[in-house]
Structures are given as C-alpha cells and as structure tokens.
Amino acid sequence: DTNVASVAKGASTPSGYFNTFTNLQGASSAYGYLGYSTVESYDPSVCATKCDDKEGCLGFNIYVERDPSLNPGPECSNPDAVANIKCSFWGGPVYTNTATNTGQWREQFEVAIAGSNGYTSLKTQTADGYDMTELKNAAINAPLDCNGQGSYMGYKLFTEGAFDAKLCATACQETNKYALEHPPATGSPQLCRYFNTYILLKNGVSEGQYCTMYTQVWDDSHATNTGQYRGDDHYTIQYSFAFT
C-alpha cells in the first residue's frame, strides 16, 4: 500500500532516539522482548513515550500488521483483513537485521507486515564505578600480555530481560569476591578489572547479552572481533561496550 509506505517514510524521529530502519516489510525480533501495544495512529512519539515508561526499554518498532478480522479456521479460512498499527518494545537495540518477522499463514489468511520503522534509544550504558568506551559492532580480541599470559577470565551470558551493563559489573565484582576469598596457594588471585559486554547474534538472531571479563584493561584498538563463521552459521556482534 503506497499510503502505508508514505506514512512510514514521512514519520518523525522522536527525541532521545535515532532511526535505524524505515519502511521494511518485517517486524523486529530483537533482544529482550518487553511486549507490544496496538495504537490508534502511526506516530513513533507515542511508542517512544511507552518505551520510556518501560524499565530497560532501549528500542521500539512501529509497523502496520495485516490481521484477520475473525479467527481463521476450517469454516472461515480467509476472513476479511484489518490493518493494526503496533509498537513492539525491546530491551536491546533494533537494527535492520532484527526485522526478520515477515508474518505467517493462518489457514488461508496471510498475516503480513508493512511500513516497519525501527528506533533505538540514544541512552548509553553505565555502571557505577566504571568508565565506559563504546565499541559499536566489535568485541575485544585481547592479545597475550607483556609476560606472555592471557588476561581472559571467562564470560557470563544473560538471555532474558533488558540489556544492562550493570549485570556484568555485578558478575565482575562477584568474580573478584570469590577470588579474594579463595586465593591460590602461590601468587596473587586474578581479579576482574575490565569487561566487554555485547549482543551476540547467530544468523541475525540474538543469542543473548555476553559479559567477557579480563584481568587488565585493553584499549579500543583491540576491538577487532566483528564476528566469524562457524560452518554455515554466521556470528556477529552489535551494541558493544567496554568498562574499566
């Protein structure tokens, strides 16, 4: 429908957000689903207000969905269609590669998406007591240190709720608490002094929020890991931040 396309292309970006995609034929399936609302008009500012009111909301998607007027079934396989304007809310950013929901068939009725726009919050990640560096779509690839030792301490993975660097800060602090309470027989305990948190995607679908921990700080020149192929699967990184 050219009218739907025109409205989507002419929509204004709400204050506090940036537009990540416009007029796609797919709705977002991003990280940290926080529900959806059906709204009366195609107005991203209405969705933005609802997102702001949701704890941890970092992005939203507004789109027009072709829905059945009646529940499709054997006696009514292709009912008349209605157009619903919906806002979906996410605890992570929405990008073009998250707009993968292109609808479905229900009996002989096709649910479809049009005029899909994505908006991501301009809020940056913070954690008390830490300095943050934004790494965008790359993760830290730490070399050996000057003594030929690795600084990587492992990772923590979160698969539910909103993306939040504070989760990683807590994991870092808990790792240090355990290390100090259970010191090695010789030498000093290894302590988490730096972490990198990001969303890892497998073939464009979020695997969750990763928190990788290190014993020393690495500057952003080491943010060279932009993903890899493992067989036929493509792993990529988005929304990456480092904390010292």
C-alpha atoms as a PDB file:
ATOM      1  CA  ASP A   1       0.000   0.000   0.000  1.00  0.00           C
ATOM      2  CA  THR A   2       1.666   3.231  -1.121  1.00  0.00           C
ATOM      3  CA  ASN A   3      -0.178   5.133   1.623  1.00  0.00           C
ATOM      4  CA  VAL A   4       1.427   2.981   4.312  1.00  0.00           C
ATOM      5  CA  ALA A   5       4.855   3.440   2.723  1.00  0.00           C
ATOM      6  CA  SER A   6       4.351   7.200   2.546  1.00  0.00           C
ATOM      7  CA  VAL A   7       3.389   7.451   6.218  1.00  0.00           C
ATOM      8  CA  ALA A   8       6.351   5.322   7.303  1.00  0.00           C
ATOM      9  CA  LYS A   9       8.834   7.306   5.217  1.00  0.00           C
ATOM     10  CA  GLY A  10       7.433  10.617   6.479  1.00  0.00           C
ATOM     11  CA  ALA A  11       7.433   9.717  10.183  1.00  0.00           C
ATOM     12  CA  SER A  12       9.423  11.961  12.522  1.00  0.00           C
ATOM     13  CA  THR A  13      12.102  10.519  14.803  1.00  0.00           C
ATOM     14  CA  PRO A  14      11.209  11.066  18.493  1.00  0.00           C
ATOM     15  CA  SER A  15      13.533  12.990  20.775  1.00  0.00           C
ATOM     16  CA  GLY A  16      16.027  10.700  22.507  1.00  0.00           C
ATOM     17  CA  TYR A  17      16.058   8.107  19.698  1.00  0.00           C
ATOM     18  CA  PHE A  18      17.672   7.551  16.319  1.00  0.00           C
ATOM     19  CA  ASN A  19      16.022   5.916  13.327  1.00  0.00           C
ATOM     20  CA  THR A  20      17.614   2.568  12.433  1.00  0.00           C
ATOM     21  CA  PHE A  21      15.387   1.420   9.546  1.00  0.00           C
ATOM     22  CA  THR A  22      12.431   2.702   7.551  1.00  0.00           C
ATOM     23  CA  ASN A  23       9.527   1.130   5.641  1.00  0.00           C
ATOM     24  CA  LEU A  24      10.573  -2.510   5.821  1.00  0.00           C
ATOM     25  CA  GLN A  25       8.243  -5.477   5.357  1.00  0.00           C
ATOM     26  CA  GLY A  26       9.330  -7.204   8.542  1.00  0.00           C
ATOM     27  CA  ALA A  27       8.876  -6.578  12.264  1.00  0.00           C
ATOM     28  CA  SER A  28      11.717  -6.832  14.773  1.00  0.00           C
ATOM     29  CA  SER A  29      12.745  -9.935  16.667  1.00  0.00           C
ATOM     30  CA  ALA A  30      15.464  -8.378  18.819  1.00  0.00           C
ATOM     31  CA  TYR A  31      16.955  -8.940  22.276  1.00  0.00           C
ATOM     32  CA  GLY A  32      14.835  -8.633  25.414  1.00  0.00           C
ATOM     33  CA  TYR A  33      11.185  -8.651  24.323  1.00  0.00           C
ATOM     34  CA  LEU A  34       9.133  -6.294  26.508  1.00  0.00           C
ATOM     35  CA  GLY A  35       5.694  -6.663  24.903  1.00  0.00           C
ATOM     36  CA  TYR A  36       3.695  -4.658  22.374  1.00  0.00           C
ATOM     37  CA  SER A  37       0.832  -2.171  22.159  1.00  0.00           C
ATOM     38  CA  THR A  38      -1.759  -1.534  19.457  1.00  0.00           C
ATOM     39  CA  VAL A  39      -2.033   2.220  18.834  1.00  0.00           C
ATOM     40  CA  GLU A  40      -4.562   4.406  17.045  1.00  0.00           C
ATOM     41  CA  SER A  41      -2.200   6.260  14.708  1.00  0.00           C
ATOM     42  CA  TYR A  42       1.196   5.792  13.080  1.00  0.00           C
ATOM     43  CA  ASP A  43       3.091   8.070  15.479  1.00  0.00           C
ATOM     44  CA  PRO A  44       6.567   6.996  16.687  1.00  0.00           C
ATOM     45  CA  SER A  45       6.403   9.563  19.514  1.00  0.00           C
ATOM     46  CA  VAL A  46       3.516   7.591  21.078  1.00  0.00           C
ATOM     47  CA  CYS A  47       5.648   4.434  21.002  1.00  0.00           C
ATOM     48  CA  ALA A  48       8.631   6.363  22.389  1.00  0.00           C
ATOM     49  CA  THR A  49       6.594   7.529  25.384  1.00  0.00           C
ATOM     50  CA  LYS A  50       5.519   3.965  26.079  1.00  0.00           C
ATOM     51  CA  CYS A  51       9.128   2.756  25.714  1.00  0.00           C
ATOM     52  CA  ASP A  52      10.350   5.438  28.130  1.00  0.00           C
ATOM     53  CA  ASP A  53       7.822   4.199  30.674  1.00  0.00           C
ATOM     54  CA  LYS A  54       9.114   0.618  30.461  1.00  0.00           C
ATOM     55  CA  GLU A  55      12.063  -0.339  32.655  1.00  0.00           C
ATOM     56  CA  GLY A  56      15.053  -1.232  30.463  1.00  0.00           C
ATOM     57  CA  CYS A  57      13.424  -0.383  27.105  1.00  0.00           C
ATOM     58  CA  LEU A  58      16.175   0.508  24.616  1.00  0.00           C
ATOM     59  CA  GLY A  59      14.361   0.266  21.286  1.00  0.00           C
ATOM     60  CA  PHE A  60      10.983   0.011  19.617  1.00  0.00           C
ATOM     61  CA  ASN A  61       9.483  -0.948  16.283  1.00  0.00           C
ATOM     62  CA  ILE A  62       6.323   0.611  14.828  1.00  0.00           C
ATOM     63  CA  TYR A  63       4.622  -1.142  11.920  1.00  0.00           C
ATOM     64  CA  VAL A  64       1.312  -1.911  10.241  1.00  0.00           C
ATOM     65  CA  GLU A  65       0.168  -5.513  10.505  1.00  0.00           C
ATOM     66  CA  ARG A  66      -2.403  -7.175   8.242  1.00  0.00           C
ATOM     67  CA  ASP A  67      -4.551  -9.171  10.690  1.00  0.00           C
ATOM     68  CA  PRO A  68      -7.690 -11.293  10.266  1.00  0.00           C
ATOM     69  CA  SER A  69     -10.994  -9.725  11.339  1.00  0.00           C
ATOM     70  CA  LEU A  70     -12.101 -13.177  12.559  1.00  0.00           C
ATOM     71  CA  ASN A  71     -10.125 -16.129  13.869  1.00  0.00           C
ATOM     72  CA  PRO A  72      -9.236 -18.248  10.804  1.00  0.00           C
ATOM     73  CA  GLY A  73     -10.408 -21.851  10.939  1.00  0.00           C
ATOM     74  CA  PRO A  74     -11.746 -24.638   8.701  1.00  0.00           C
ATOM     75  CA  GLU A  75     -15.137 -22.874   8.349  1.00  0.00           C
ATOM     76  CA  CYS A  76     -13.586 -19.434   7.850  1.00  0.00           C
ATOM     77  CA  SER A  77     -10.170 -19.943   6.284  1.00  0.00           C
ATOM     78  CA  ASN A  78      -9.702 -16.474   4.749  1.00  0.00           C
ATOM     79  CA  PRO A  79     -11.677 -13.777   6.631  1.00  0.00           C
ATOM     80  CA  ASP A  80     -11.597 -10.083   5.751  1.00  0.00           C
ATOM     81  CA  ALA A  81      -8.425  -8.269   6.723  1.00  0.00           C
ATOM     82  CA  VAL A  82      -7.930  -5.367   9.111  1.00  0.00           C
ATOM     83  CA  ALA A  83      -4.853  -3.172   9.497  1.00  0.00           C
ATOM     84  CA  ASN A  84      -3.481  -2.753  13.025  1.00  0.00           C
ATOM     85  CA  ILE A  85      -0.723  -0.320  13.945  1.00  0.00           C
ATOM     86  CA  LYS A  86       1.552  -1.855  16.541  1.00  0.00           C
ATOM     87  CA  CYS A  87       4.544  -0.843  18.655  1.00  0.00           C
ATOM     88  CA  SER A  88       6.832  -3.612  19.913  1.00  0.00           C
ATOM     89  CA  PHE A  89       9.331  -2.878  22.689  1.00  0.00           C
ATOM     90  CA  TRP A  90      12.790  -4.334  23.251  1.00  0.00           C
ATOM     91  CA  GLY A  91      15.439  -4.387  25.948  1.00  0.00           C
ATOM     92  CA  GLY A  92      18.119  -4.002  23.288  1.00  0.00           C
ATOM     93  CA  PRO A  93      18.620  -2.066  20.054  1.00  0.00           C
ATOM     94  CA  VAL A  94      16.580  -2.701  16.912  1.00  0.00           C
ATOM     95  CA  TYR A  95      18.512  -2.742  13.645  1.00  0.00           C
ATOM     96  CA  THR A  96      17.722  -3.752  10.071  1.00  0.00           C
ATOM     97  CA  ASN A  97      18.967  -7.280  10.728  1.00  0.00           C
ATOM     98  CA  THR A  98      16.439  -7.714  13.557  1.00  0.00           C
ATOM     99  CA  ALA A  99      13.431  -7.079  11.262  1.00  0.00           C
ATOM    100  CA  THR A 100      13.015 -10.762  10.451  1.00  0.00           C
ATOM    101  CA  ASN A 101       9.329 -11.333  11.310  1.00  0.00           C
ATOM    102  CA  THR A 102       7.622 -11.129   7.918  1.00  0.00           C
ATOM    103  CA  GLY A 103       4.311 -12.627   9.042  1.00  0.00           C
ATOM    104  CA  GLN A 104       2.732 -16.054   8.773  1.00  0.00           C
ATOM    105  CA  TRP A 105      -0.102 -18.050   7.259  1.00  0.00           C
ATOM    106  CA  ARG A 106      -3.159 -18.843   9.382  1.00  0.00           C
ATOM    107  CA  GLU A 107      -5.245 -21.261   7.343  1.00  0.00           C
ATOM    108  CA  GLN A 108      -5.625 -19.362   4.026  1.00  0.00           C
ATOM    109  CA  PHE A 109      -5.091 -15.944   5.592  1.00  0.00           C
ATOM    110  CA  GLU A 110      -1.698 -14.235   5.329  1.00  0.00           C
ATOM    111  CA  VAL A 111      -0.580 -12.101   8.274  1.00  0.00           C
ATOM    112  CA  ALA A 112       1.814  -9.548   6.787  1.00  0.00           C
ATOM    113  CA  ILE A 113       3.911  -6.564   7.840  1.00  0.00           C
ATOM    114  CA  ALA A 114       4.318  -3.192   6.115  1.00  0.00           C
ATOM    115  CA  GLY A 115       5.691   0.254   6.911  1.00  0.00           C
ATOM    116  CA  SER A 116       8.036  -1.076   9.577  1.00  0.00           C
ATOM    117  CA  ASN A 117      10.261   1.566  11.215  1.00  0.00           C
ATOM    118  CA  GLY A 118      12.850   0.952  13.937  1.00  0.00           C
ATOM    119  CA  TYR A 119      14.090   3.361  16.609  1.00  0.00           C
ATOM    120  CA  THR A 120      16.890   2.833  19.135  1.00  0.00           C
ATOM    121  CA  SER A 121      17.466   4.862  22.285  1.00  0.00           C
ATOM    122  CA  LEU A 122      20.363   7.307  22.441  1.00  0.00           C
ATOM    123  CA  LYS A 123      20.923   6.360  26.081  1.00  0.00           C
ATOM    124  CA  THR A 124      24.410   4.953  26.700  1.00  0.00           C
ATOM    125  CA  GLN A 125      25.199   2.103  29.049  1.00  0.00           C
ATOM    126  CA  THR A 126      26.539   2.940  32.510  1.00  0.00           C
ATOM    127  CA  ALA A 127      27.794   1.089  35.572  1.00  0.00           C
ATOM    128  CA  ASP A 128      28.671   2.769  38.868  1.00  0.00           C
ATOM    129  CA  GLY A 129      32.414   2.941  39.465  1.00  0.00           C
ATOM    130  CA  TYR A 130      33.326   2.152  35.845  1.00  0.00           C
ATOM    131  CA  ASP A 131      34.431   4.198  32.848  1.00  0.00           C
ATOM    132  CA  MET A 132      32.744   3.212  29.571  1.00  0.00           C
ATOM    133  CA  THR A 133      34.015   3.028  25.985  1.00  0.00           C
ATOM    134  CA  GLU A 134      31.582   2.379  23.137  1.00  0.00           C
ATOM    135  CA  LEU A 135      32.831  -0.288  20.702  1.00  0.00           C
ATOM    136  CA  LYS A 136      29.761  -0.403  18.405  1.00  0.00           C
ATOM    137  CA  ASN A 137      29.733  -3.691  16.422  1.00  0.00           C
ATOM    138  CA  ALA A 138      33.043  -5.181  17.561  1.00  0.00           C
ATOM    139  CA  ALA A 139      34.273  -7.034  20.631  1.00  0.00           C
ATOM    140  CA  ILE A 140      37.689  -7.075  22.283  1.00  0.00           C
ATOM    141  CA  ASN A 141      40.209  -9.550  20.856  1.00  0.00           C
ATOM    142  CA  ALA A 142      42.765  -9.484  23.662  1.00  0.00           C
ATOM    143  CA  PRO A 143      46.383 -10.470  22.917  1.00  0.00           C
ATOM    144  CA  LEU A 144      48.762 -12.050  25.420  1.00  0.00           C
ATOM    145  CA  ASP A 145      50.123  -9.570  27.939  1.00  0.00           C
ATOM    146  CA  CYS A 146      53.763  -8.489  28.259  1.00  0.00           C
ATOM    147  CA  ASN A 147      54.548 -11.661  30.232  1.00  0.00           C
ATOM    148  CA  GLY A 148      53.028 -13.896  27.574  1.00  0.00           C
ATOM    149  CA  GLN A 149      49.998 -14.593  29.741  1.00  0.00           C
ATOM    150  CA  GLY A 150      46.341 -14.445  28.760  1.00  0.00           C
ATOM    151  CA  SER A 151      44.070 -11.953  30.532  1.00  0.00           C
ATOM    152  CA  TYR A 152      40.730 -13.550  29.619  1.00  0.00           C
ATOM    153  CA  MET A 153      38.769 -14.768  32.673  1.00  0.00           C
ATOM    154  CA  GLY A 154      35.677 -16.251  31.040  1.00  0.00           C
ATOM    155  CA  TYR A 155      32.185 -14.936  30.385  1.00  0.00           C
ATOM    156  CA  LYS A 156      28.684 -14.646  31.758  1.00  0.00           C
ATOM    157  CA  LEU A 157      25.658 -14.943  29.454  1.00  0.00           C
ATOM    158  CA  PHE A 158      22.239 -13.385  30.045  1.00  0.00           C
ATOM    159  CA  THR A 159      19.362 -14.468  27.810  1.00  0.00           C
ATOM    160  CA  GLU A 160      16.363 -12.770  29.444  1.00  0.00           C
ATOM    161  CA  GLY A 161      15.397  -9.251  30.420  1.00  0.00           C
ATOM    162  CA  ALA A 162      16.819  -5.985  29.184  1.00  0.00           C
ATOM    163  CA  PHE A 163      20.425  -5.394  28.151  1.00  0.00           C
ATOM    164  CA  ASP A 164      22.177  -3.835  31.139  1.00  0.00           C
ATOM    165  CA  ALA A 165      25.909  -3.322  31.715  1.00  0.00           C
ATOM    166  CA  LYS A 166      25.240  -3.361  35.461  1.00  0.00           C
ATOM    167  CA  LEU A 167      24.652  -7.122  35.200  1.00  0.00           C
ATOM    168  CA  CYS A 168      28.239  -7.513  34.000  1.00  0.00           C
ATOM    169  CA  ALA A 169      29.577  -5.181  36.691  1.00  0.00           C
ATOM    170  CA  THR A 170      27.933  -7.374  39.310  1.00  0.00           C
ATOM    171  CA  ALA A 171      29.389 -10.515  37.700  1.00  0.00           C
ATOM    172  CA  CYS A 172      32.846  -8.893  37.687  1.00  0.00           C
ATOM    173  CA  GLN A 173      32.547  -7.938  41.351  1.00  0.00           C
ATOM    174  CA  GLU A 174      31.272 -11.388  42.363  1.00  0.00           C
ATOM    175  CA  THR A 175      34.181 -12.984  40.497  1.00  0.00           C
ATOM    176  CA  ASN A 176      36.590 -10.803  42.477  1.00  0.00           C
ATOM    177  CA  LYS A 177      34.877 -11.574  45.779  1.00  0.00           C
ATOM    178  CA  TYR A 178      35.236 -15.320  45.169  1.00  0.00           C
ATOM    179  CA  ALA A 179      38.867 -14.942  44.050  1.00  0.00           C
ATOM    180  CA  LEU A 180      39.809 -12.997  47.183  1.00  0.00           C
ATOM    181  CA  GLU A 181      38.021 -15.472  49.449  1.00  0.00           C
ATOM    182  CA  HIS A 182      39.694 -18.432  47.700  1.00  0.00           C
ATOM    183  CA  PRO A 183      43.252 -17.266  46.911  1.00  0.00           C
ATOM    184  CA  PRO A 184      45.688 -19.575  45.099  1.00  0.00           C
ATOM    185  CA  ALA A 185      48.344 -21.463  47.060  1.00  0.00           C
ATOM    186  CA  THR A 186      51.012 -19.284  45.483  1.00  0.00           C
ATOM    187  CA  GLY A 187      50.863 -15.857  43.941  1.00  0.00           C
ATOM    188  CA  SER A 188      48.019 -13.350  43.934  1.00  0.00           C
ATOM    189  CA  PRO A 189      44.389 -14.013  42.942  1.00  0.00           C
ATOM    190  CA  GLN A 190      43.351 -12.962  39.445  1.00  0.00           C
ATOM    191  CA  LEU A 191      40.929 -10.054  39.561  1.00  0.00           C
ATOM    192  CA  CYS A 192      38.436  -8.761  37.021  1.00  0.00           C
ATOM    193  CA  ARG A 193      39.485  -5.210  36.117  1.00  0.00           C
ATOM    194  CA  TYR A 194      37.808  -4.874  32.729  1.00  0.00           C
ATOM    195  CA  PHE A 195      34.770  -6.281  30.941  1.00  0.00           C
ATOM    196  CA  ASN A 196      33.270  -6.126  27.466  1.00  0.00           C
ATOM    197  CA  THR A 197      29.523  -6.581  27.051  1.00  0.00           C
ATOM    198  CA  TYR A 198      27.667  -7.006  23.763  1.00  0.00           C
ATOM    199  CA  ILE A 199      24.849  -8.824  21.992  1.00  0.00           C
ATOM    200  CA  LEU A 200      25.959 -11.877  20.015  1.00  0.00           C
ATOM    201  CA  LEU A 201      23.819 -12.831  17.032  1.00  0.00           C
ATOM    202  CA  LYS A 202      23.722 -16.189  15.252  1.00  0.00           C
ATOM    203  CA  ASN A 203      22.496 -15.757  11.678  1.00  0.00           C
ATOM    204  CA  GLY A 204      20.945 -12.453  12.713  1.00  0.00           C
ATOM    205  CA  VAL A 205      19.120 -13.856  15.779  1.00  0.00           C
ATOM    206  CA  SER A 206      20.192 -12.747  19.268  1.00  0.00           C
ATOM    207  CA  GLU A 207      21.909 -15.362  21.425  1.00  0.00           C
ATOM    208  CA  GLY A 208      21.888 -13.023  24.434  1.00  0.00           C
ATOM    209  CA  GLN A 209      23.992 -10.469  26.301  1.00  0.00           C
ATOM    210  CA  TYR A 210      27.598 -11.583  26.774  1.00  0.00           C
ATOM    211  CA  CYS A 211      29.880 -10.267  29.511  1.00  0.00           C
ATOM    212  CA  THR A 212      33.527 -11.176  28.862  1.00  0.00           C
ATOM    213  CA  MET A 213      35.906 -10.474  31.751  1.00  0.00           C
ATOM    214  CA  TYR A 214      39.626  -9.650  31.761  1.00  0.00           C
ATOM    215  CA  THR A 215      42.383  -9.132  34.328  1.00  0.00           C
ATOM    216  CA  GLN A 216      43.646  -6.000  32.595  1.00  0.00           C
ATOM    217  CA  VAL A 217      42.427  -3.103  30.505  1.00  0.00           C
ATOM    218  CA  TRP A 218      42.628  -3.141  26.696  1.00  0.00           C
ATOM    219  CA  ASP A 219      42.074  -0.021  24.633  1.00  0.00           C
ATOM    220  CA  ASP A 220      39.621   0.114  21.738  1.00  0.00           C
ATOM    221  CA  SER A 221      42.356  -0.634  19.176  1.00  0.00           C
ATOM    222  CA  HIS A 222      41.860  -4.269  20.256  1.00  0.00           C
ATOM    223  CA  ALA A 223      38.151  -4.194  19.323  1.00  0.00           C
ATOM    224  CA  THR A 224      38.791  -6.227  16.171  1.00  0.00           C
ATOM    225  CA  ASN A 225      36.390  -9.154  16.678  1.00  0.00           C
ATOM    226  CA  THR A 226      33.451  -8.382  14.396  1.00  0.00           C
ATOM    227  CA  GLY A 227      32.226 -11.969  14.189  1.00  0.00           C
ATOM    228  CA  GLN A 228      33.012 -15.197  12.403  1.00  0.00           C
ATOM    229  CA  TYR A 229      31.618 -18.152  10.502  1.00  0.00           C
ATOM    230  CA  ARG A 230      31.346 -21.496  12.270  1.00  0.00           C
ATOM    231  CA  GLY A 231      30.453 -23.875   9.493  1.00  0.00           C
ATOM    232  CA  ASP A 232      27.398 -22.378   7.798  1.00  0.00           C
ATOM    233  CA  ASP A 233      26.477 -20.260  10.821  1.00  0.00           C
ATOM    234  CA  HIS A 234      27.410 -16.576  10.857  1.00  0.00           C
ATOM    235  CA  TYR A 235      28.049 -14.986  14.265  1.00  0.00           C
ATOM    236  CA  THR A 236      28.075 -11.196  14.520  1.00  0.00           C
ATOM    237  CA  ILE A 237      28.305  -8.599  17.274  1.00  0.00           C
ATOM    238  CA  GLN A 238      26.276  -5.486  17.994  1.00  0.00           C
ATOM    239  CA  TYR A 239      25.800  -2.943  20.781  1.00  0.00           C
ATOM    240  CA  SER A 240      29.253  -3.476  22.288  1.00  0.00           C
ATOM    241  CA  PHE A 241      30.642  -1.543  25.288  1.00  0.00           C
ATOM    242  CA  ALA A 242      33.810  -1.874  27.354  1.00  0.00           C
ATOM    243  CA  PHE A 243      34.112  -0.938  31.041  1.00  0.00           C
ATOM    244  CA  THR A 244      37.160  -0.230  33.180  1.00  0.00           C
END
